[in-house]
Structure formats: C-alpha cells, structure tokens
Amino acid sequence: MLGWARMWFAAKRDAESDVQQLRHGAWYPVLSSGDKRVVLDVSGQRVAVPHDLLEVRPKRPDRFTVVYRTYDDPNPARGTRADLGRRYAVCPVCASRVLIRGHVIPAVTTCQKCGHQGIVAWWETG
C-alpha cells in the first residue's frame, strides 16, 4: 500500500465514472499511483480515480473529517436511521458516519460502530 486518499470536497461526481463509489470524508488505501490516475481499494474493489480529484497522504489520518453536504447533494442515507442531515463526521478507521448534534462541533467524538475515539478535524472538511 502506498498511502491513503480521500476525494476533495469540491470534486464533482460524474454519474458515469467510478468516483460515484467514493464517500465524502472517507479515506481509502492507495494501491498504485501514476501521473494521472490513482488506484484505490474501495470495499475490496480496485477503483481508478483521476489524481487531481484526491488528497493523498502517506499515513491514515486519525482525526474525524467533517462533511458538509450542499443542498443539491443527494443524501445517500435519506429515509433511513442513518440519515444524519447536512453535516456529520466520518470515522477515520471504519468510514462510518457520526452524528454531530447542535450548532457546535465537538472537539472529540467516538464512533459508535468501531469505538474509535479521536479529534474532530472541523478545519478539514470532506
């Protein structure tokens, strides 16, 4: 593995591309990288993504990423118990969405799925 990558928040999702499989705020293992494309491991599948749509780091981050969905962004969890609204955090370990209540973003949170506790990186939106 060469590192970890996540999609830039402002990246546009093309309905015909593999970018649709990536979740905002989630970090994916980098399997290989070239000048223009990066191959990620997305749920056990190899997904090629244009390099300019990704932020790549050598180590997996340990901070929760805050995701702000735009009004025209479809809610992937709409109508389910997982519907967290327009702002939520993403666990850096298991990529689960974590509810953020109220108007103040907490400094630290815990993932209900995997138990990871860490800093909420509100300055790094995903």
C-alpha atoms as a PDB file:
ATOM      1  CA  MET A   1       0.000   0.000   0.000  1.00  0.00           C
ATOM      2  CA  LEU A   2       1.329   3.430  -0.965  1.00  0.00           C
ATOM      3  CA  GLY A   3      -0.743   5.635   1.317  1.00  0.00           C
ATOM      4  CA  TRP A   4      -4.274   6.885   1.909  1.00  0.00           C
ATOM      5  CA  ALA A   5      -6.537   9.094  -0.196  1.00  0.00           C
ATOM      6  CA  ARG A   6      -9.855  10.854   0.038  1.00  0.00           C
ATOM      7  CA  MET A   7     -11.856  12.750  -2.545  1.00  0.00           C
ATOM      8  CA  TRP A   8     -11.670  16.534  -2.422  1.00  0.00           C
ATOM      9  CA  PHE A   9     -14.917  18.018  -1.143  1.00  0.00           C
ATOM     10  CA  ALA A  10     -15.351  20.215  -4.219  1.00  0.00           C
ATOM     11  CA  ALA A  11     -14.832  17.338  -6.680  1.00  0.00           C
ATOM     12  CA  LYS A  12     -17.786  16.882  -8.994  1.00  0.00           C
ATOM     13  CA  ARG A  13     -19.212  13.382  -9.259  1.00  0.00           C
ATOM     14  CA  ASP A  14     -19.640  12.142 -12.821  1.00  0.00           C
ATOM     15  CA  ALA A  15     -22.549   9.695 -12.999  1.00  0.00           C
ATOM     16  CA  GLU A  16     -20.620   7.521 -15.471  1.00  0.00           C
ATOM     17  CA  SER A  17     -17.363   7.302 -13.508  1.00  0.00           C
ATOM     18  CA  ASP A  18     -16.056   5.226 -10.618  1.00  0.00           C
ATOM     19  CA  VAL A  19     -15.916   8.394  -8.495  1.00  0.00           C
ATOM     20  CA  GLN A  20     -19.572   7.707  -7.582  1.00  0.00           C
ATOM     21  CA  GLN A  21     -18.355   4.878  -5.301  1.00  0.00           C
ATOM     22  CA  LEU A  22     -16.286   7.221  -3.101  1.00  0.00           C
ATOM     23  CA  ARG A  23     -17.826   8.713   0.018  1.00  0.00           C
ATOM     24  CA  HIS A  24     -17.001  12.263   1.028  1.00  0.00           C
ATOM     25  CA  GLY A  25     -14.802  12.303   4.119  1.00  0.00           C
ATOM     26  CA  ALA A  26     -13.766   8.628   3.866  1.00  0.00           C
ATOM     27  CA  TRP A  27     -10.104   7.605   3.454  1.00  0.00           C
ATOM     28  CA  TYR A  28      -9.193   4.743   1.096  1.00  0.00           C
ATOM     29  CA  PRO A  29      -5.957   2.723   0.751  1.00  0.00           C
ATOM     30  CA  VAL A  30      -3.882   3.671  -2.306  1.00  0.00           C
ATOM     31  CA  LEU A  31      -2.866   0.538  -4.233  1.00  0.00           C
ATOM     32  CA  SER A  32      -0.959   2.246  -7.064  1.00  0.00           C
ATOM     33  CA  SER A  33      -0.397   5.706  -8.433  1.00  0.00           C
ATOM     34  CA  GLY A  34       0.536   7.148 -11.818  1.00  0.00           C
ATOM     35  CA  ASP A  35       0.804  10.617 -13.307  1.00  0.00           C
ATOM     36  CA  LYS A  36      -2.922  10.989 -13.924  1.00  0.00           C
ATOM     37  CA  ARG A  37      -4.719   8.225 -12.013  1.00  0.00           C
ATOM     38  CA  VAL A  38      -4.649   6.638  -8.577  1.00  0.00           C
ATOM     39  CA  VAL A  39      -5.989   3.134  -7.916  1.00  0.00           C
ATOM     40  CA  LEU A  40      -7.825   2.849  -4.590  1.00  0.00           C
ATOM     41  CA  ASP A  41      -9.174  -0.096  -2.635  1.00  0.00           C
ATOM     42  CA  VAL A  42     -12.881   0.683  -2.214  1.00  0.00           C
ATOM     43  CA  SER A  43     -14.635  -2.090  -0.299  1.00  0.00           C
ATOM     44  CA  GLY A  44     -12.316  -4.719  -1.793  1.00  0.00           C
ATOM     45  CA  GLN A  45     -12.615  -3.404  -5.360  1.00  0.00           C
ATOM     46  CA  ARG A  46      -9.899  -1.623  -7.347  1.00  0.00           C
ATOM     47  CA  VAL A  47     -11.173   1.802  -8.393  1.00  0.00           C
ATOM     48  CA  ALA A  48      -9.170   4.146 -10.654  1.00  0.00           C
ATOM     49  CA  VAL A  49      -9.687   7.838  -9.895  1.00  0.00           C
ATOM     50  CA  PRO A  50      -8.151  10.938 -11.503  1.00  0.00           C
ATOM     51  CA  HIS A  51      -5.256  12.122  -9.311  1.00  0.00           C
ATOM     52  CA  ASP A  52      -6.468  15.725  -9.269  1.00  0.00           C
ATOM     53  CA  LEU A  53      -9.720  14.722  -7.501  1.00  0.00           C
ATOM     54  CA  LEU A  54      -7.870  13.281  -4.499  1.00  0.00           C
ATOM     55  CA  GLU A  55      -5.957  14.350  -1.431  1.00  0.00           C
ATOM     56  CA  VAL A  56      -3.238  11.749  -0.775  1.00  0.00           C
ATOM     57  CA  ARG A  57      -1.316  11.245   2.481  1.00  0.00           C
ATOM     58  CA  PRO A  58       1.383   8.750   3.461  1.00  0.00           C
ATOM     59  CA  LYS A  59      -0.393   7.708   6.686  1.00  0.00           C
ATOM     60  CA  ARG A  60      -4.032   7.063   7.526  1.00  0.00           C
ATOM     61  CA  PRO A  61      -5.353  10.089   9.435  1.00  0.00           C
ATOM     62  CA  ASP A  62      -6.652   9.506  12.958  1.00  0.00           C
ATOM     63  CA  ARG A  63      -8.998  12.518  13.022  1.00  0.00           C
ATOM     64  CA  PHE A  64     -12.681  12.581  12.152  1.00  0.00           C
ATOM     65  CA  THR A  65     -13.475  14.509   8.957  1.00  0.00           C
ATOM     66  CA  VAL A  66     -16.469  16.845   8.969  1.00  0.00           C
ATOM     67  CA  VAL A  67     -18.695  16.634   5.895  1.00  0.00           C
ATOM     68  CA  TYR A  68     -20.974  19.480   4.863  1.00  0.00           C
ATOM     69  CA  ARG A  69     -23.371  18.378   2.146  1.00  0.00           C
ATOM     70  CA  THR A  70     -24.646  21.013  -0.269  1.00  0.00           C
ATOM     71  CA  TYR A  71     -28.363  21.427  -0.858  1.00  0.00           C
ATOM     72  CA  ASP A  72     -28.136  19.797  -4.282  1.00  0.00           C
ATOM     73  CA  ASP A  73     -26.075  16.840  -2.955  1.00  0.00           C
ATOM     74  CA  PRO A  74     -28.309  13.769  -2.701  1.00  0.00           C
ATOM     75  CA  ASN A  75     -28.491  12.275   0.776  1.00  0.00           C
ATOM     76  CA  PRO A  76     -27.269   8.656   0.455  1.00  0.00           C
ATOM     77  CA  ALA A  77     -28.997   7.720   3.722  1.00  0.00           C
ATOM     78  CA  ARG A  78     -32.241   9.673   3.263  1.00  0.00           C
ATOM     79  CA  GLY A  79     -35.218   7.984   4.864  1.00  0.00           C
ATOM     80  CA  THR A  80     -33.114   5.575   6.936  1.00  0.00           C
ATOM     81  CA  ARG A  81     -31.937   5.626  10.538  1.00  0.00           C
ATOM     82  CA  ALA A  82     -28.501   6.585   9.160  1.00  0.00           C
ATOM     83  CA  ASP A  83     -29.834   9.922   7.806  1.00  0.00           C
ATOM     84  CA  LEU A  84     -27.627  12.453   9.618  1.00  0.00           C
ATOM     85  CA  GLY A  85     -28.635  15.592   7.778  1.00  0.00           C
ATOM     86  CA  ARG A  86     -26.365  18.076   6.046  1.00  0.00           C
ATOM     87  CA  ARG A  87     -23.415  17.970   8.498  1.00  0.00           C
ATOM     88  CA  TYR A  88     -21.776  14.906  10.017  1.00  0.00           C
ATOM     89  CA  ALA A  89     -18.361  13.467  10.862  1.00  0.00           C
ATOM     90  CA  VAL A  90     -16.716  10.452   9.198  1.00  0.00           C
ATOM     91  CA  CYS A  91     -14.707   7.969  11.269  1.00  0.00           C
ATOM     92  CA  PRO A  92     -11.105   7.695  10.003  1.00  0.00           C
ATOM     93  CA  VAL A  93     -10.959   3.988  10.893  1.00  0.00           C
ATOM     94  CA  CYS A  94     -14.178   2.472   9.530  1.00  0.00           C
ATOM     95  CA  ALA A  95     -15.655   5.391   7.484  1.00  0.00           C
ATOM     96  CA  SER A  96     -18.959   5.302   9.389  1.00  0.00           C
ATOM     97  CA  ARG A  97     -20.970   8.497   9.564  1.00  0.00           C
ATOM     98  CA  VAL A  98     -21.137  10.013  13.052  1.00  0.00           C
ATOM     99  CA  LEU A  99     -23.943  12.340  14.118  1.00  0.00           C
ATOM    100  CA  ILE A 100     -22.985  15.896  15.090  1.00  0.00           C
ATOM    101  CA  ARG A 101     -25.721  17.489  17.169  1.00  0.00           C
ATOM    102  CA  GLY A 102     -26.394  21.175  17.658  1.00  0.00           C
ATOM    103  CA  HIS A 103     -24.522  24.163  16.323  1.00  0.00           C
ATOM    104  CA  VAL A 104     -21.180  23.488  17.992  1.00  0.00           C
ATOM    105  CA  ILE A 105     -18.850  20.856  16.601  1.00  0.00           C
ATOM    106  CA  PRO A 106     -17.369  18.789  19.447  1.00  0.00           C
ATOM    107  CA  ALA A 107     -13.571  18.696  19.869  1.00  0.00           C
ATOM    108  CA  VAL A 108     -13.581  14.893  20.326  1.00  0.00           C
ATOM    109  CA  THR A 109     -16.086  12.191  19.369  1.00  0.00           C
ATOM    110  CA  THR A 110     -16.423   8.402  19.417  1.00  0.00           C
ATOM    111  CA  CYS A 111     -17.538   6.171  16.546  1.00  0.00           C
ATOM    112  CA  GLN A 112     -20.498   4.061  17.590  1.00  0.00           C
ATOM    113  CA  LYS A 113     -19.601   1.327  15.081  1.00  0.00           C
ATOM    114  CA  CYS A 114     -15.900   0.640  15.785  1.00  0.00           C
ATOM    115  CA  GLY A 115     -15.340   2.521  19.066  1.00  0.00           C
ATOM    116  CA  HIS A 116     -12.549   4.758  17.721  1.00  0.00           C
ATOM    117  CA  GLN A 117     -12.256   7.951  19.749  1.00  0.00           C
ATOM    118  CA  GLY A 118     -10.499  10.948  18.263  1.00  0.00           C
ATOM    119  CA  ILE A 119     -10.313  14.598  17.448  1.00  0.00           C
ATOM    120  CA  VAL A 120     -12.922  16.105  15.135  1.00  0.00           C
ATOM    121  CA  ALA A 121     -10.937  17.933  12.459  1.00  0.00           C
ATOM    122  CA  TRP A 122     -13.534  20.605  11.733  1.00  0.00           C
ATOM    123  CA  TRP A 123     -10.873  22.577   9.844  1.00  0.00           C
ATOM    124  CA  GLU A 124     -10.531  19.705   7.322  1.00  0.00           C
ATOM    125  CA  THR A 125     -13.875  19.339   5.628  1.00  0.00           C
ATOM    126  CA  GLY A 126     -14.521  16.345   3.445  1.00  0.00           C
END
